[in-house]
Amino acid sequence: MLSDIISKNMKFIIGVIIGALIIFFAIKYGLVSKQEVMQYQQEAQNIIEDVQDNLSKIGAIPGVLVPTEAEISCAVQLDDISAGDTLSSPISVTGVITPTEDCHWVKFEGQGGIVVMKDSDNNEISNVEILNLEGDWMNTDPFTFDATLTIDTVPADGVGYIYFQDANQADAAESPSRIYIVPVIIE
């Protein structure tokens, strides 16, 4: 996920460099004033600093949130949120969970689990949303979810973790719950 963030930001930085070259030639041939260029350069520098600041905030997922290998699930697919995105409350979290043999996810009693926002210390900083299932839930069919998280407290570091956990009711030693985590920046 972090490689996706870096890839997006590298494309942005390359775009800024190309823009700087265009501005250079525009000045050289008298198409824009130096004052306008200085204003554009300052705006571009501010954007680059914001991107770098957000990347430094994301880092690795804190140890208190890291699931064991048995707990990690690849079943969750989010519609509009990616790791490193900057979000503000309320946050609409939508997507699909597709349980497979390789990507386990347990449904139980008409529920597909929960989603909540956590901080770097594993504290819940939003409401907990139950992923309710419609119709026949006793199968391995994919299911969609639509949850709204309202942030109670924005963490001091501005980093939050969208935390999904399946509805597993079994003994954790026999069958651990499945977990999916997405690190984001919270405004």
C-alpha atoms as a PDB file:
ATOM      1  CA  MET A   1       0.000   0.000   0.000  1.00  0.00           C
ATOM      2  CA  LEU A   2       2.830   2.380   0.857  1.00  0.00           C
ATOM      3  CA  SER A   3       4.308   1.748  -2.599  1.00  0.00           C
ATOM      4  CA  ASP A   4       1.007   2.976  -4.111  1.00  0.00           C
ATOM      5  CA  ILE A   5       1.279   6.204  -2.103  1.00  0.00           C
ATOM      6  CA  ILE A   6       4.886   6.737  -3.171  1.00  0.00           C
ATOM      7  CA  SER A   7       4.011   5.953  -6.788  1.00  0.00           C
ATOM      8  CA  LYS A   8       1.172   8.522  -6.807  1.00  0.00           C
ATOM      9  CA  ASN A   9       3.375  11.148  -5.200  1.00  0.00           C
ATOM     10  CA  MET A  10       6.283  10.444  -7.561  1.00  0.00           C
ATOM     11  CA  LYS A  11       3.956  11.066 -10.511  1.00  0.00           C
ATOM     12  CA  PHE A  12       2.945  14.340  -8.888  1.00  0.00           C
ATOM     13  CA  ILE A  13       6.568  15.398  -8.331  1.00  0.00           C
ATOM     14  CA  ILE A  14       7.484  14.527 -11.926  1.00  0.00           C
ATOM     15  CA  GLY A  15       4.520  16.662 -13.014  1.00  0.00           C
ATOM     16  CA  VAL A  16       5.869  19.557 -10.945  1.00  0.00           C
ATOM     17  CA  ILE A  17       9.291  19.197 -12.587  1.00  0.00           C
ATOM     18  CA  ILE A  18       7.758  19.214 -16.066  1.00  0.00           C
ATOM     19  CA  GLY A  19       5.704  22.257 -15.061  1.00  0.00           C
ATOM     20  CA  ALA A  20       8.900  24.004 -13.930  1.00  0.00           C
ATOM     21  CA  LEU A  21      10.486  23.356 -17.313  1.00  0.00           C
ATOM     22  CA  ILE A  22       7.457  24.792 -19.094  1.00  0.00           C
ATOM     23  CA  ILE A  23       7.623  27.889 -16.881  1.00  0.00           C
ATOM     24  CA  PHE A  24      11.351  28.249 -17.598  1.00  0.00           C
ATOM     25  CA  PHE A  25      10.734  28.329 -21.337  1.00  0.00           C
ATOM     26  CA  ALA A  26       7.738  30.648 -20.887  1.00  0.00           C
ATOM     27  CA  ILE A  27       9.971  33.164 -19.054  1.00  0.00           C
ATOM     28  CA  LYS A  28      12.761  32.768 -21.583  1.00  0.00           C
ATOM     29  CA  TYR A  29      10.422  33.644 -24.431  1.00  0.00           C
ATOM     30  CA  GLY A  30       8.536  36.372 -22.478  1.00  0.00           C
ATOM     31  CA  LEU A  31       5.179  34.612 -22.153  1.00  0.00           C
ATOM     32  CA  VAL A  32       4.888  35.163 -18.353  1.00  0.00           C
ATOM     33  CA  SER A  33       6.430  37.581 -15.838  1.00  0.00           C
ATOM     34  CA  LYS A  34       9.017  36.545 -13.263  1.00  0.00           C
ATOM     35  CA  GLN A  35       6.650  37.643 -10.478  1.00  0.00           C
ATOM     36  CA  GLU A  36       3.956  35.228 -11.695  1.00  0.00           C
ATOM     37  CA  VAL A  37       6.515  32.457 -11.886  1.00  0.00           C
ATOM     38  CA  MET A  38       7.711  33.107  -8.323  1.00  0.00           C
ATOM     39  CA  GLN A  39       4.108  32.874  -7.112  1.00  0.00           C
ATOM     40  CA  TYR A  40       3.591  29.547  -8.933  1.00  0.00           C
ATOM     41  CA  GLN A  41       6.894  28.202  -7.580  1.00  0.00           C
ATOM     42  CA  GLN A  42       5.895  29.023  -4.001  1.00  0.00           C
ATOM     43  CA  GLU A  43       2.536  27.288  -4.456  1.00  0.00           C
ATOM     44  CA  ALA A  44       4.257  24.224  -5.943  1.00  0.00           C
ATOM     45  CA  GLN A  45       6.771  24.151  -3.071  1.00  0.00           C
ATOM     46  CA  ASN A  46       3.937  24.287  -0.523  1.00  0.00           C
ATOM     47  CA  ILE A  47       2.224  21.338  -2.219  1.00  0.00           C
ATOM     48  CA  ILE A  48       5.456  19.311  -2.280  1.00  0.00           C
ATOM     49  CA  GLU A  49       6.033  20.003   1.437  1.00  0.00           C
ATOM     50  CA  ASP A  50       2.466  18.883   2.252  1.00  0.00           C
ATOM     51  CA  VAL A  51       3.001  15.629   0.327  1.00  0.00           C
ATOM     52  CA  GLN A  52       6.325  14.963   2.081  1.00  0.00           C
ATOM     53  CA  ASP A  53       4.779  15.723   5.492  1.00  0.00           C
ATOM     54  CA  ASN A  54       1.904  13.311   4.859  1.00  0.00           C
ATOM     55  CA  LEU A  55       4.299  10.575   3.711  1.00  0.00           C
ATOM     56  CA  SER A  56       6.398  10.963   6.852  1.00  0.00           C
ATOM     57  CA  LYS A  57       3.262  10.700   9.023  1.00  0.00           C
ATOM     58  CA  ILE A  58       2.126   7.414   7.491  1.00  0.00           C
ATOM     59  CA  GLY A  59       5.272   5.354   8.051  1.00  0.00           C
ATOM     60  CA  ALA A  60       4.683   1.821   9.246  1.00  0.00           C
ATOM     61  CA  ILE A  61       1.614   0.581  11.087  1.00  0.00           C
ATOM     62  CA  PRO A  62       2.317   0.779  14.859  1.00  0.00           C
ATOM     63  CA  GLY A  63       3.119  -2.478  16.617  1.00  0.00           C
ATOM     64  CA  VAL A  64      -0.034  -2.349  18.744  1.00  0.00           C
ATOM     65  CA  LEU A  65      -2.129  -2.537  15.561  1.00  0.00           C
ATOM     66  CA  VAL A  66      -0.118  -5.101  13.596  1.00  0.00           C
ATOM     67  CA  PRO A  67      -2.117  -8.307  13.212  1.00  0.00           C
ATOM     68  CA  THR A  68      -0.418 -11.691  13.247  1.00  0.00           C
ATOM     69  CA  GLU A  69       0.032 -13.390   9.902  1.00  0.00           C
ATOM     70  CA  ALA A  70      -2.938 -15.639  10.726  1.00  0.00           C
ATOM     71  CA  GLU A  71      -5.154 -12.588  11.264  1.00  0.00           C
ATOM     72  CA  ILE A  72      -4.346 -10.591   8.112  1.00  0.00           C
ATOM     73  CA  SER A  73      -7.038 -10.694   5.453  1.00  0.00           C
ATOM     74  CA  CYS A  74      -6.940  -9.639   1.829  1.00  0.00           C
ATOM     75  CA  ALA A  75     -10.724  -9.925   1.450  1.00  0.00           C
ATOM     76  CA  VAL A  76     -11.527  -6.191   1.872  1.00  0.00           C
ATOM     77  CA  GLN A  77     -11.673  -3.926  -1.197  1.00  0.00           C
ATOM     78  CA  LEU A  78     -12.434  -0.235  -0.582  1.00  0.00           C
ATOM     79  CA  ASP A  79     -14.190   1.870  -3.225  1.00  0.00           C
ATOM     80  CA  ASP A  80     -12.800   5.372  -2.730  1.00  0.00           C
ATOM     81  CA  ILE A  81     -10.158   5.243   0.012  1.00  0.00           C
ATOM     82  CA  SER A  82      -6.497   4.273  -0.344  1.00  0.00           C
ATOM     83  CA  ALA A  83      -3.658   4.176   2.158  1.00  0.00           C
ATOM     84  CA  GLY A  84      -2.299   7.672   2.741  1.00  0.00           C
ATOM     85  CA  ASP A  85      -5.439   9.517   1.670  1.00  0.00           C
ATOM     86  CA  THR A  86      -6.314  12.682   3.601  1.00  0.00           C
ATOM     87  CA  LEU A  87      -9.848  12.401   5.024  1.00  0.00           C
ATOM     88  CA  SER A  88     -12.126  14.517   7.185  1.00  0.00           C
ATOM     89  CA  SER A  89     -15.060  13.529   9.360  1.00  0.00           C
ATOM     90  CA  PRO A  90     -17.589  12.172   8.650  1.00  0.00           C
ATOM     91  CA  ILE A  91     -15.855   9.503   6.554  1.00  0.00           C
ATOM     92  CA  SER A  92     -17.876   7.354   4.172  1.00  0.00           C
ATOM     93  CA  VAL A  93     -16.325   3.885   3.967  1.00  0.00           C
ATOM     94  CA  THR A  94     -17.734   1.719   1.178  1.00  0.00           C
ATOM     95  CA  GLY A  95     -16.552  -1.369  -0.595  1.00  0.00           C
ATOM     96  CA  VAL A  96     -16.895  -5.109  -0.878  1.00  0.00           C
ATOM     97  CA  ILE A  97     -15.627  -8.030   1.159  1.00  0.00           C
ATOM     98  CA  THR A  98     -14.949 -11.158  -0.866  1.00  0.00           C
ATOM     99  CA  PRO A  99     -14.202 -14.189   1.308  1.00  0.00           C
ATOM    100  CA  THR A 100     -12.137 -16.827  -0.504  1.00  0.00           C
ATOM    101  CA  GLU A 101     -10.028 -19.815   0.468  1.00  0.00           C
ATOM    102  CA  ASP A 102      -6.941 -17.574   0.492  1.00  0.00           C
ATOM    103  CA  CYS A 103      -8.635 -14.429   1.857  1.00  0.00           C
ATOM    104  CA  HIS A 104     -10.624 -15.581   4.866  1.00  0.00           C
ATOM    105  CA  TRP A 105     -13.435 -13.491   6.335  1.00  0.00           C
ATOM    106  CA  VAL A 106     -16.056 -14.794   8.778  1.00  0.00           C
ATOM    107  CA  LYS A 107     -19.726 -13.726   8.758  1.00  0.00           C
ATOM    108  CA  PHE A 108     -21.935 -14.529  11.756  1.00  0.00           C
ATOM    109  CA  GLU A 109     -25.615 -14.041  12.579  1.00  0.00           C
ATOM    110  CA  GLY A 110     -26.193 -11.600   9.705  1.00  0.00           C
ATOM    111  CA  GLN A 111     -23.116  -9.514  10.423  1.00  0.00           C
ATOM    112  CA  GLY A 112     -19.903  -9.210   8.440  1.00  0.00           C
ATOM    113  CA  GLY A 113     -17.834  -7.670  11.224  1.00  0.00           C
ATOM    114  CA  ILE A 114     -17.022  -4.115  12.245  1.00  0.00           C
ATOM    115  CA  VAL A 115     -15.151  -1.064  11.005  1.00  0.00           C
ATOM    116  CA  VAL A 116     -13.744   1.644  13.282  1.00  0.00           C
ATOM    117  CA  MET A 117     -11.051   4.354  13.143  1.00  0.00           C
ATOM    118  CA  LYS A 118      -8.147   3.826  15.542  1.00  0.00           C
ATOM    119  CA  ASP A 119      -5.150   5.950  16.475  1.00  0.00           C
ATOM    120  CA  SER A 120      -1.488   4.893  16.694  1.00  0.00           C
ATOM    121  CA  ASP A 121      -2.032   3.646  20.261  1.00  0.00           C
ATOM    122  CA  ASN A 122      -4.912   1.335  19.243  1.00  0.00           C
ATOM    123  CA  ASN A 123      -7.545   3.637  20.781  1.00  0.00           C
ATOM    124  CA  GLU A 124     -10.909   3.837  19.017  1.00  0.00           C
ATOM    125  CA  ILE A 125     -11.383   7.439  17.842  1.00  0.00           C
ATOM    126  CA  SER A 126     -14.674   7.009  15.993  1.00  0.00           C
ATOM    127  CA  ASN A 127     -17.970   5.243  16.308  1.00  0.00           C
ATOM    128  CA  VAL A 128     -17.925   1.488  15.660  1.00  0.00           C
ATOM    129  CA  GLU A 129     -19.989   0.513  12.622  1.00  0.00           C
ATOM    130  CA  ILE A 130     -21.389  -3.009  12.322  1.00  0.00           C
ATOM    131  CA  LEU A 131     -21.276  -4.388   8.784  1.00  0.00           C
ATOM    132  CA  ASN A 132     -24.846  -5.721   8.533  1.00  0.00           C
ATOM    133  CA  LEU A 133     -25.656  -8.275   5.847  1.00  0.00           C
ATOM    134  CA  GLU A 134     -28.854  -8.438   3.825  1.00  0.00           C
ATOM    135  CA  GLY A 135     -30.493 -11.704   2.818  1.00  0.00           C
ATOM    136  CA  ASP A 136     -28.820 -15.124   3.050  1.00  0.00           C
ATOM    137  CA  TRP A 137     -25.591 -14.626   4.945  1.00  0.00           C
ATOM    138  CA  MET A 138     -24.733 -18.290   5.456  1.00  0.00           C
ATOM    139  CA  ASN A 139     -22.493 -18.537   2.403  1.00  0.00           C
ATOM    140  CA  THR A 140     -19.128 -17.372   1.113  1.00  0.00           C
ATOM    141  CA  ASP A 141     -20.592 -14.855  -1.337  1.00  0.00           C
ATOM    142  CA  PRO A 142     -19.059 -11.368  -1.520  1.00  0.00           C
ATOM    143  CA  PHE A 143     -20.971  -8.645   0.305  1.00  0.00           C
ATOM    144  CA  THR A 144     -20.951  -4.870   0.023  1.00  0.00           C
ATOM    145  CA  PHE A 145     -20.750  -2.509   2.962  1.00  0.00           C
ATOM    146  CA  ASP A 146     -21.504   1.163   3.540  1.00  0.00           C
ATOM    147  CA  ALA A 147     -20.400   2.704   6.818  1.00  0.00           C
ATOM    148  CA  THR A 148     -19.965   6.258   8.084  1.00  0.00           C
ATOM    149  CA  LEU A 149     -17.262   6.930  10.647  1.00  0.00           C
ATOM    150  CA  THR A 150     -17.497  10.109  12.709  1.00  0.00           C
ATOM    151  CA  ILE A 151     -14.177  11.045  14.289  1.00  0.00           C
ATOM    152  CA  ASP A 152     -14.426  11.889  18.001  1.00  0.00           C
ATOM    153  CA  THR A 153     -10.849  13.108  18.410  1.00  0.00           C
ATOM    154  CA  VAL A 154      -8.272  13.868  15.717  1.00  0.00           C
ATOM    155  CA  PRO A 155      -4.957  12.344  16.847  1.00  0.00           C
ATOM    156  CA  ALA A 156      -2.090  14.769  17.521  1.00  0.00           C
ATOM    157  CA  ASP A 157      -0.019  13.151  14.754  1.00  0.00           C
ATOM    158  CA  GLY A 158      -2.956  13.356  12.323  1.00  0.00           C
ATOM    159  CA  VAL A 159      -2.714   9.652  11.458  1.00  0.00           C
ATOM    160  CA  GLY A 160      -5.631   7.248  11.736  1.00  0.00           C
ATOM    161  CA  TYR A 161      -6.153   3.614  10.849  1.00  0.00           C
ATOM    162  CA  ILE A 162      -9.390   2.340   9.337  1.00  0.00           C
ATOM    163  CA  TYR A 163      -9.645  -0.976  11.150  1.00  0.00           C
ATOM    164  CA  PHE A 164     -11.841  -3.837   9.903  1.00  0.00           C
ATOM    165  CA  GLN A 165     -12.445  -7.009  11.897  1.00  0.00           C
ATOM    166  CA  ASP A 166     -14.583  -9.946  10.825  1.00  0.00           C
ATOM    167  CA  ALA A 167     -17.501 -11.339  12.855  1.00  0.00           C
ATOM    168  CA  ASN A 168     -15.651 -14.423  14.044  1.00  0.00           C
ATOM    169  CA  GLN A 169     -17.072 -15.715  17.346  1.00  0.00           C
ATOM    170  CA  ALA A 170     -14.779 -18.756  17.631  1.00  0.00           C
ATOM    171  CA  ASP A 171     -12.005 -19.222  20.154  1.00  0.00           C
ATOM    172  CA  ALA A 172      -9.098 -17.073  18.945  1.00  0.00           C
ATOM    173  CA  ALA A 173      -6.636 -19.925  19.531  1.00  0.00           C
ATOM    174  CA  GLU A 174      -8.600 -22.173  17.163  1.00  0.00           C
ATOM    175  CA  SER A 175      -9.585 -19.576  14.581  1.00  0.00           C
ATOM    176  CA  PRO A 176      -8.278 -15.998  14.949  1.00  0.00           C
ATOM    177  CA  SER A 177     -10.363 -13.065  13.787  1.00  0.00           C
ATOM    178  CA  ARG A 178      -9.428 -11.595  10.417  1.00  0.00           C
ATOM    179  CA  ILE A 179      -8.255  -7.995  10.301  1.00  0.00           C
ATOM    180  CA  TYR A 180      -7.684  -5.408   7.561  1.00  0.00           C
ATOM    181  CA  ILE A 181      -6.073  -2.000   8.238  1.00  0.00           C
ATOM    182  CA  VAL A 182      -5.779   1.122   6.055  1.00  0.00           C
ATOM    183  CA  PRO A 183      -3.564   4.010   7.316  1.00  0.00           C
ATOM    184  CA  VAL A 184      -4.880   7.505   6.470  1.00  0.00           C
ATOM    185  CA  ILE A 185      -4.294  11.164   7.323  1.00  0.00           C
ATOM    186  CA  ILE A 186      -7.133  12.810   9.280  1.00  0.00           C
ATOM    187  CA  GLU A 187      -7.878  16.528   8.994  1.00  0.00           C
END
